Amino acid sequence: MGTIFCGLLLSVASHFASAQATIEGIVFDTHTKQRISQVYIYNTGNDDGGYNNTRGEFTITASPGDILIAAAKGYYPDTLVVSDKKVVLFNMTRSTIWLDEVSVVARRSPEERLEENKREYGSAYSKGSAGSIFSTGPTGAGLSIDALYKLISREGKNSRRLQEIIERDYRESVIDYRFTPELVSSVTGLQGEDLADFMRQYRPSYYFILSTNDYNLAFYIRSSLARYRQNPAARRLPPLHTIEK
């Protein structure tokens, strides 16, 4: 009986392995059409995951029907369902969208976006949160096996990486909610690409935004404008190398 059971397990495992395939993919910015790096790709079907490379490319093990999630700082998470194709493309949308001319768009609060992401990717939060290491049972306090497993398992590590990206996105959205193009333009008089360039270079930190009031934020913007006018490229990052598709 044991031999038959072991044989059945091996058969199921072999079938599962044969259904798995290496999928290749590329991640693009929907608006600029440029490739995006530092994107975490996560397969909810087998808990496999990892970051793409500097060319925006990645490989991941998946089966038809698996759901892949792409998450990156400054972008809304994106999902797709794996088909029989060996190459997949993600087109991600920035959480703050820069158009040729900055326009007013409806914004949700950071808290609303965070709760929405938690609901949409709830399994990442439940699998990635180890909880208390200590448990209490009939024999007294002891180590929680489930908590330890979540801390050391690949499933737990991948889930926590996705969780960290979602929470970093929340911190960025807190900045975006107050450091808006409308506010900065009203204080500085800048518009269009000059406004976008200034906001990229003098974007405040998350902790500054949390601790400052509206008056001090406006003062920061005005003092930053004086430095910007003295040297418009002082904090400008070098252009990214364009990758041929």
C-alpha atoms as a PDB file:
ATOM      1  CA  MET A   1       0.000   0.000   0.000  1.00  0.00           C
ATOM      2  CA  GLY A   2       2.848   2.357   0.940  1.00  0.00           C
ATOM      3  CA  THR A   3       4.560   1.673  -2.395  1.00  0.00           C
ATOM      4  CA  ILE A   4       1.376   2.519  -4.303  1.00  0.00           C
ATOM      5  CA  PHE A   5       0.931   5.737  -2.325  1.00  0.00           C
ATOM      6  CA  CYS A   6       4.549   6.789  -2.936  1.00  0.00           C
ATOM      7  CA  GLY A   7       4.169   5.996  -6.608  1.00  0.00           C
ATOM      8  CA  LEU A   8       1.025   8.139  -6.773  1.00  0.00           C
ATOM      9  CA  LEU A   9       2.840  11.043  -5.129  1.00  0.00           C
ATOM     10  CA  LEU A  10       5.716  10.752  -7.575  1.00  0.00           C
ATOM     11  CA  SER A  11       3.268  10.694 -10.475  1.00  0.00           C
ATOM     12  CA  VAL A  12       1.494  13.830  -9.247  1.00  0.00           C
ATOM     13  CA  ALA A  13       4.828  15.583  -8.645  1.00  0.00           C
ATOM     14  CA  SER A  14       6.044  14.619 -12.105  1.00  0.00           C
ATOM     15  CA  HIS A  15       2.861  15.946 -13.701  1.00  0.00           C
ATOM     16  CA  PHE A  16       3.140  19.198 -11.762  1.00  0.00           C
ATOM     17  CA  ALA A  17       6.779  19.648 -12.768  1.00  0.00           C
ATOM     18  CA  SER A  18       5.993  18.983 -16.413  1.00  0.00           C
ATOM     19  CA  ALA A  19       3.259  21.638 -16.335  1.00  0.00           C
ATOM     20  CA  GLN A  20       5.753  24.220 -15.126  1.00  0.00           C
ATOM     21  CA  ALA A  21       7.692  26.197 -17.726  1.00  0.00           C
ATOM     22  CA  THR A  22      10.148  29.082 -17.747  1.00  0.00           C
ATOM     23  CA  ILE A  23       8.373  32.231 -18.861  1.00  0.00           C
ATOM     24  CA  GLU A  24      10.318  35.231 -20.149  1.00  0.00           C
ATOM     25  CA  GLY A  25       9.035  38.766 -19.903  1.00  0.00           C
ATOM     26  CA  ILE A  26       9.729  42.489 -20.143  1.00  0.00           C
ATOM     27  CA  VAL A  27       8.258  45.373 -18.117  1.00  0.00           C
ATOM     28  CA  PHE A  28       7.431  48.694 -19.808  1.00  0.00           C
ATOM     29  CA  ASP A  29       6.209  52.089 -18.638  1.00  0.00           C
ATOM     30  CA  THR A  30       2.783  52.574 -20.231  1.00  0.00           C
ATOM     31  CA  HIS A  31       3.299  56.288 -20.879  1.00  0.00           C
ATOM     32  CA  THR A  32       6.959  56.548 -21.891  1.00  0.00           C
ATOM     33  CA  LYS A  33       7.237  53.044 -23.442  1.00  0.00           C
ATOM     34  CA  GLN A  34      10.656  52.743 -21.759  1.00  0.00           C
ATOM     35  CA  ARG A  35      11.712  49.575 -19.955  1.00  0.00           C
ATOM     36  CA  ILE A  36      11.466  49.568 -16.144  1.00  0.00           C
ATOM     37  CA  SER A  37      13.966  47.884 -13.848  1.00  0.00           C
ATOM     38  CA  GLN A  38      13.730  47.007 -10.139  1.00  0.00           C
ATOM     39  CA  VAL A  39      10.293  45.462 -10.639  1.00  0.00           C
ATOM     40  CA  TYR A  40       9.382  42.530  -8.418  1.00  0.00           C
ATOM     41  CA  ILE A  41       7.596  39.749 -10.307  1.00  0.00           C
ATOM     42  CA  TYR A  42       5.589  37.362  -8.131  1.00  0.00           C
ATOM     43  CA  ASN A  43       3.742  34.167  -9.139  1.00  0.00           C
ATOM     44  CA  THR A  44       0.774  33.589  -6.829  1.00  0.00           C
ATOM     45  CA  GLY A  45       0.420  30.039  -8.163  1.00  0.00           C
ATOM     46  CA  ASN A  46       3.732  28.644  -6.897  1.00  0.00           C
ATOM     47  CA  ASP A  47       5.060  31.512  -4.726  1.00  0.00           C
ATOM     48  CA  ASP A  48       8.044  32.001  -7.026  1.00  0.00           C
ATOM     49  CA  GLY A  49       9.336  35.527  -7.420  1.00  0.00           C
ATOM     50  CA  GLY A  50      12.256  37.847  -8.014  1.00  0.00           C
ATOM     51  CA  TYR A  51      13.353  41.189  -9.474  1.00  0.00           C
ATOM     52  CA  ASN A  52      13.841  41.870 -13.167  1.00  0.00           C
ATOM     53  CA  ASN A  53      17.205  43.059 -14.500  1.00  0.00           C
ATOM     54  CA  THR A  54      18.433  46.491 -15.608  1.00  0.00           C
ATOM     55  CA  ARG A  55      17.059  45.836 -19.115  1.00  0.00           C
ATOM     56  CA  GLY A  56      13.579  45.324 -17.694  1.00  0.00           C
ATOM     57  CA  GLU A  57      13.707  41.600 -18.466  1.00  0.00           C
ATOM     58  CA  PHE A  58      12.858  38.656 -16.206  1.00  0.00           C
ATOM     59  CA  THR A  59      12.340  34.916 -16.193  1.00  0.00           C
ATOM     60  CA  ILE A  60       9.978  33.054 -13.886  1.00  0.00           C
ATOM     61  CA  THR A  61       8.623  29.536 -13.528  1.00  0.00           C
ATOM     62  CA  ALA A  62       4.885  29.372 -14.207  1.00  0.00           C
ATOM     63  CA  SER A  63       2.046  27.250 -15.574  1.00  0.00           C
ATOM     64  CA  PRO A  64      -0.907  28.296 -17.751  1.00  0.00           C
ATOM     65  CA  GLY A  65      -3.510  29.853 -15.504  1.00  0.00           C
ATOM     66  CA  ASP A  66      -1.020  31.187 -12.927  1.00  0.00           C
ATOM     67  CA  ILE A  67      -1.387  34.845 -11.960  1.00  0.00           C
ATOM     68  CA  LEU A  68       1.732  37.013 -12.133  1.00  0.00           C
ATOM     69  CA  ILE A  69       1.974  40.281 -10.227  1.00  0.00           C
ATOM     70  CA  ALA A  70       4.417  43.089 -11.072  1.00  0.00           C
ATOM     71  CA  ALA A  71       5.119  45.635  -8.336  1.00  0.00           C
ATOM     72  CA  ALA A  72       7.544  48.560  -8.329  1.00  0.00           C
ATOM     73  CA  LYS A  73       8.097  51.806  -6.471  1.00  0.00           C
ATOM     74  CA  GLY A  74       6.082  54.636  -8.003  1.00  0.00           C
ATOM     75  CA  TYR A  75       3.839  52.363 -10.079  1.00  0.00           C
ATOM     76  CA  TYR A  76       0.467  50.759  -9.589  1.00  0.00           C
ATOM     77  CA  PRO A  77       0.812  46.952  -9.254  1.00  0.00           C
ATOM     78  CA  ASP A  78      -0.139  45.099 -12.442  1.00  0.00           C
ATOM     79  CA  THR A  79      -1.336  41.534 -12.956  1.00  0.00           C
ATOM     80  CA  LEU A  80      -1.679  39.107 -15.833  1.00  0.00           C
ATOM     81  CA  VAL A  81      -2.765  35.508 -16.296  1.00  0.00           C
ATOM     82  CA  VAL A  82      -0.209  33.157 -17.850  1.00  0.00           C
ATOM     83  CA  SER A  83      -1.316  31.575 -21.125  1.00  0.00           C
ATOM     84  CA  ASP A  84       0.553  29.128 -23.352  1.00  0.00           C
ATOM     85  CA  LYS A  85       2.841  31.934 -24.590  1.00  0.00           C
ATOM     86  CA  LYS A  86       6.482  31.809 -23.512  1.00  0.00           C
ATOM     87  CA  VAL A  87       6.913  35.598 -23.499  1.00  0.00           C
ATOM     88  CA  VAL A  88       4.792  38.048 -21.501  1.00  0.00           C
ATOM     89  CA  LEU A  89       4.751  41.839 -21.312  1.00  0.00           C
ATOM     90  CA  PHE A  90       3.814  44.057 -18.391  1.00  0.00           C
ATOM     91  CA  ASN A  91       2.796  47.659 -19.089  1.00  0.00           C
ATOM     92  CA  MET A  92       2.817  49.512 -15.780  1.00  0.00           C
ATOM     93  CA  THR A  93       1.182  52.841 -15.001  1.00  0.00           C
ATOM     94  CA  ARG A  94       2.833  55.395 -12.750  1.00  0.00           C
ATOM     95  CA  SER A  95       1.011  56.236  -9.550  1.00  0.00           C
ATOM     96  CA  THR A  96       1.875  59.857 -10.402  1.00  0.00           C
ATOM     97  CA  ILE A  97       1.480  60.484 -14.128  1.00  0.00           C
ATOM     98  CA  TRP A  98       3.478  63.216 -15.850  1.00  0.00           C
ATOM     99  CA  LEU A  99       1.909  64.396 -19.089  1.00  0.00           C
ATOM    100  CA  ASP A 100       3.443  66.861 -21.538  1.00  0.00           C
ATOM    101  CA  GLU A 101       1.463  69.508 -19.675  1.00  0.00           C
ATOM    102  CA  VAL A 102       0.696  68.729 -16.033  1.00  0.00           C
ATOM    103  CA  SER A 103      -3.050  68.392 -15.577  1.00  0.00           C
ATOM    104  CA  VAL A 104      -5.294  68.046 -12.569  1.00  0.00           C
ATOM    105  CA  VAL A 105      -6.424  64.463 -11.958  1.00  0.00           C
ATOM    106  CA  ALA A 106      -8.625  62.945  -9.299  1.00  0.00           C
ATOM    107  CA  ARG A 107      -6.555  61.482  -6.476  1.00  0.00           C
ATOM    108  CA  ARG A 108      -7.436  58.893  -3.908  1.00  0.00           C
ATOM    109  CA  SER A 109      -6.015  59.243  -0.434  1.00  0.00           C
ATOM    110  CA  PRO A 110      -2.896  57.194   0.376  1.00  0.00           C
ATOM    111  CA  GLU A 111      -4.883  55.255   2.962  1.00  0.00           C
ATOM    112  CA  GLU A 112      -7.532  54.293   0.382  1.00  0.00           C
ATOM    113  CA  ARG A 113      -4.844  53.063  -2.028  1.00  0.00           C
ATOM    114  CA  LEU A 114      -3.074  51.084   0.690  1.00  0.00           C
ATOM    115  CA  GLU A 115      -6.282  49.377   1.792  1.00  0.00           C
ATOM    116  CA  GLU A 116      -7.142  48.587  -1.821  1.00  0.00           C
ATOM    117  CA  ASN A 117      -3.731  46.969  -2.357  1.00  0.00           C
ATOM    118  CA  LYS A 118      -4.088  45.021   0.876  1.00  0.00           C
ATOM    119  CA  ARG A 119      -7.445  43.679  -0.275  1.00  0.00           C
ATOM    120  CA  GLU A 120      -6.227  42.882  -3.792  1.00  0.00           C
ATOM    121  CA  TYR A 121      -3.037  41.181  -2.629  1.00  0.00           C
ATOM    122  CA  GLY A 122      -4.312  39.910   0.713  1.00  0.00           C
ATOM    123  CA  SER A 123      -2.478  36.596   0.425  1.00  0.00           C
ATOM    124  CA  ALA A 124       0.882  38.422   0.405  1.00  0.00           C
ATOM    125  CA  TYR A 125       0.039  40.078   3.700  1.00  0.00           C
ATOM    126  CA  SER A 126      -1.166  36.883   5.370  1.00  0.00           C
ATOM    127  CA  LYS A 127       1.774  34.809   4.108  1.00  0.00           C
ATOM    128  CA  GLY A 128       4.364  37.503   4.700  1.00  0.00           C
ATOM    129  CA  SER A 129       3.348  38.439   8.253  1.00  0.00           C
ATOM    130  CA  ALA A 130       5.083  36.032  10.611  1.00  0.00           C
ATOM    131  CA  GLY A 131       3.101  37.152  13.647  1.00  0.00           C
ATOM    132  CA  SER A 132       4.245  36.201  17.105  1.00  0.00           C
ATOM    133  CA  ILE A 133       7.146  33.768  17.263  1.00  0.00           C
ATOM    134  CA  PHE A 134       5.891  32.493  20.603  1.00  0.00           C
ATOM    135  CA  SER A 135       2.724  30.485  20.992  1.00  0.00           C
ATOM    136  CA  THR A 136       0.853  29.276  24.040  1.00  0.00           C
ATOM    137  CA  GLY A 137      -0.425  25.717  24.211  1.00  0.00           C
ATOM    138  CA  PRO A 138      -1.479  23.082  26.753  1.00  0.00           C
ATOM    139  CA  THR A 139       2.137  22.654  27.865  1.00  0.00           C
ATOM    140  CA  GLY A 140       2.840  26.360  28.188  1.00  0.00           C
ATOM    141  CA  ALA A 141       4.613  28.905  25.999  1.00  0.00           C
ATOM    142  CA  GLY A 142       6.707  27.636  23.107  1.00  0.00           C
ATOM    143  CA  LEU A 143       7.954  28.496  19.631  1.00  0.00           C
ATOM    144  CA  SER A 144       5.308  28.891  16.935  1.00  0.00           C
ATOM    145  CA  ILE A 145       6.166  26.528  14.070  1.00  0.00           C
ATOM    146  CA  ASP A 146       3.893  28.448  11.662  1.00  0.00           C
ATOM    147  CA  ALA A 147       5.602  31.758  12.480  1.00  0.00           C
ATOM    148  CA  LEU A 148       9.070  30.273  12.067  1.00  0.00           C
ATOM    149  CA  TYR A 149       8.056  28.714   8.747  1.00  0.00           C
ATOM    150  CA  LYS A 150       6.829  32.054   7.419  1.00  0.00           C
ATOM    151  CA  LEU A 151      10.106  33.708   8.416  1.00  0.00           C
ATOM    152  CA  ILE A 152      12.382  31.222   6.672  1.00  0.00           C
ATOM    153  CA  SER A 153      10.264  29.833   3.815  1.00  0.00           C
ATOM    154  CA  ARG A 154      10.617  31.005   0.232  1.00  0.00           C
ATOM    155  CA  GLU A 155       6.880  31.640   0.243  1.00  0.00           C
ATOM    156  CA  GLY A 156       7.176  33.941   3.253  1.00  0.00           C
ATOM    157  CA  LYS A 157      10.225  35.780   1.869  1.00  0.00           C
ATOM    158  CA  ASN A 158       8.628  36.400  -1.524  1.00  0.00           C
ATOM    159  CA  SER A 159       5.416  37.572   0.099  1.00  0.00           C
ATOM    160  CA  ARG A 160       7.279  39.976   2.373  1.00  0.00           C
ATOM    161  CA  ARG A 161       9.153  41.433  -0.600  1.00  0.00           C
ATOM    162  CA  LEU A 162       5.851  42.142  -2.344  1.00  0.00           C
ATOM    163  CA  GLN A 163       4.463  43.525   0.896  1.00  0.00           C
ATOM    164  CA  GLU A 164       7.444  45.876   1.266  1.00  0.00           C
ATOM    165  CA  ILE A 165       6.960  47.191  -2.281  1.00  0.00           C
ATOM    166  CA  ILE A 166       3.275  47.894  -1.636  1.00  0.00           C
ATOM    167  CA  GLU A 167       4.110  49.704   1.598  1.00  0.00           C
ATOM    168  CA  ARG A 168       6.885  51.728  -0.100  1.00  0.00           C
ATOM    169  CA  ASP A 169       4.308  52.707  -2.717  1.00  0.00           C
ATOM    170  CA  TYR A 170       2.082  53.909   0.136  1.00  0.00           C
ATOM    171  CA  ARG A 171       4.868  56.154   1.459  1.00  0.00           C
ATOM    172  CA  GLU A 172       5.396  57.604  -2.024  1.00  0.00           C
ATOM    173  CA  SER A 173       1.656  58.252  -2.352  1.00  0.00           C
ATOM    174  CA  VAL A 174       1.703  60.148   0.969  1.00  0.00           C
ATOM    175  CA  ILE A 175       4.297  62.494  -0.570  1.00  0.00           C
ATOM    176  CA  ASP A 176       2.306  62.805  -3.819  1.00  0.00           C
ATOM    177  CA  TYR A 177      -0.867  63.644  -1.898  1.00  0.00           C
ATOM    178  CA  ARG A 178       0.637  66.868  -0.501  1.00  0.00           C
ATOM    179  CA  PHE A 179       3.535  67.680  -2.863  1.00  0.00           C
ATOM    180  CA  THR A 180       1.221  68.162  -5.846  1.00  0.00           C
ATOM    181  CA  PRO A 181       1.849  69.835  -9.225  1.00  0.00           C
ATOM    182  CA  GLU A 182      -0.972  72.275  -8.453  1.00  0.00           C
ATOM    183  CA  LEU A 183       0.590  73.377  -5.152  1.00  0.00           C
ATOM    184  CA  VAL A 184       4.140  73.615  -6.488  1.00  0.00           C
ATOM    185  CA  SER A 185       3.030  75.525  -9.588  1.00  0.00           C
ATOM    186  CA  SER A 186       1.044  78.021  -7.481  1.00  0.00           C
ATOM    187  CA  VAL A 187       4.087  78.668  -5.252  1.00  0.00           C
ATOM    188  CA  THR A 188       6.787  78.732  -7.945  1.00  0.00           C
ATOM    189  CA  GLY A 189       4.971  79.762 -11.116  1.00  0.00           C
ATOM    190  CA  LEU A 190       6.656  76.867 -12.948  1.00  0.00           C
ATOM    191  CA  GLN A 191       4.731  74.893 -15.569  1.00  0.00           C
ATOM    192  CA  GLY A 192       5.165  72.009 -17.949  1.00  0.00           C
ATOM    193  CA  GLU A 193       8.554  70.290 -18.096  1.00  0.00           C
ATOM    194  CA  ASP A 194      10.199  72.901 -15.845  1.00  0.00           C
ATOM    195  CA  LEU A 195       7.657  72.049 -13.146  1.00  0.00           C
ATOM    196  CA  ALA A 196       8.185  68.310 -13.610  1.00  0.00           C
ATOM    197  CA  ASP A 197      11.974  68.739 -13.532  1.00  0.00           C
ATOM    198  CA  PHE A 198      11.863  70.845 -10.352  1.00  0.00           C
ATOM    199  CA  MET A 199       9.562  68.371  -8.575  1.00  0.00           C
ATOM    200  CA  ARG A 200      11.765  65.416  -9.476  1.00  0.00           C
ATOM    201  CA  GLN A 201      14.895  67.115  -8.138  1.00  0.00           C
ATOM    202  CA  TYR A 202      13.416  68.570  -4.948  1.00  0.00           C
ATOM    203  CA  ARG A 203      10.948  65.877  -3.986  1.00  0.00           C
ATOM    204  CA  PRO A 204      10.700  65.901  -0.159  1.00  0.00           C
ATOM    205  CA  SER A 205      11.114  62.807   1.979  1.00  0.00           C
ATOM    206  CA  TYR A 206       8.258  60.819   3.477  1.00  0.00           C
ATOM    207  CA  TYR A 207       9.238  61.742   7.035  1.00  0.00           C
ATOM    208  CA  PHE A 208       9.487  65.458   6.186  1.00  0.00           C
ATOM    209  CA  ILE A 209       5.958  65.354   4.746  1.00  0.00           C
ATOM    210  CA  LEU A 210       4.660  63.654   7.878  1.00  0.00           C
ATOM    211  CA  SER A 211       6.199  66.234  10.207  1.00  0.00           C
ATOM    212  CA  THR A 212       5.633  69.484   8.302  1.00  0.00           C
ATOM    213  CA  ASN A 213       2.607  71.784   8.079  1.00  0.00           C
ATOM    214  CA  ASP A 214       1.344  73.607   4.997  1.00  0.00           C
ATOM    215  CA  TYR A 215       3.257  76.808   5.796  1.00  0.00           C
ATOM    216  CA  ASN A 216       6.603  75.023   6.196  1.00  0.00           C
ATOM    217  CA  LEU A 217       5.979  72.972   3.058  1.00  0.00           C
ATOM    218  CA  ALA A 218       5.437  76.181   1.060  1.00  0.00           C
ATOM    219  CA  PHE A 219       8.612  77.654   2.616  1.00  0.00           C
ATOM    220  CA  TYR A 220      10.548  74.530   1.574  1.00  0.00           C
ATOM    221  CA  ILE A 221       9.260  74.865  -1.986  1.00  0.00           C
ATOM    222  CA  ARG A 222      10.235  78.558  -2.205  1.00  0.00           C
ATOM    223  CA  SER A 223      13.732  77.976  -0.793  1.00  0.00           C
ATOM    224  CA  SER A 224      14.222  75.030  -3.136  1.00  0.00           C
ATOM    225  CA  LEU A 225      13.141  77.222  -6.064  1.00  0.00           C
ATOM    226  CA  ALA A 226      15.940  79.686  -5.242  1.00  0.00           C
ATOM    227  CA  ARG A 227      18.507  76.852  -5.395  1.00  0.00           C
ATOM    228  CA  TYR A 228      16.907  75.512  -8.571  1.00  0.00           C
ATOM    229  CA  ARG A 229      17.225  78.856 -10.328  1.00  0.00           C
ATOM    230  CA  GLN A 230      20.891  79.134  -9.360  1.00  0.00           C
ATOM    231  CA  ASN A 231      21.649  75.694 -10.827  1.00  0.00           C
ATOM    232  CA  PRO A 232      18.742  73.934 -12.573  1.00  0.00           C
ATOM    233  CA  ALA A 233      20.731  70.693 -12.945  1.00  0.00           C
ATOM    234  CA  ALA A 234      22.216  70.471  -9.444  1.00  0.00           C
ATOM    235  CA  ARG A 235      20.210  67.410  -8.419  1.00  0.00           C
ATOM    236  CA  ARG A 236      19.270  66.124 -11.836  1.00  0.00           C
ATOM    237  CA  LEU A 237      19.947  62.432 -12.362  1.00  0.00           C
ATOM    238  CA  PRO A 238      21.856  61.407 -15.501  1.00  0.00           C
ATOM    239  CA  PRO A 239      19.575  60.141 -18.304  1.00  0.00           C
ATOM    240  CA  LEU A 240      18.906  56.408 -18.402  1.00  0.00           C
ATOM    241  CA  HIS A 241      20.515  54.439 -21.196  1.00  0.00           C
ATOM    242  CA  THR A 242      17.900  53.734 -23.849  1.00  0.00           C
ATOM    243  CA  ILE A 243      17.484  50.007 -24.447  1.00  0.00           C
ATOM    244  CA  GLU A 244      16.628  48.844 -27.939  1.00  0.00           C
ATOM    245  CA  LYS A 245      13.535  46.628 -27.999  1.00  0.00           C
END
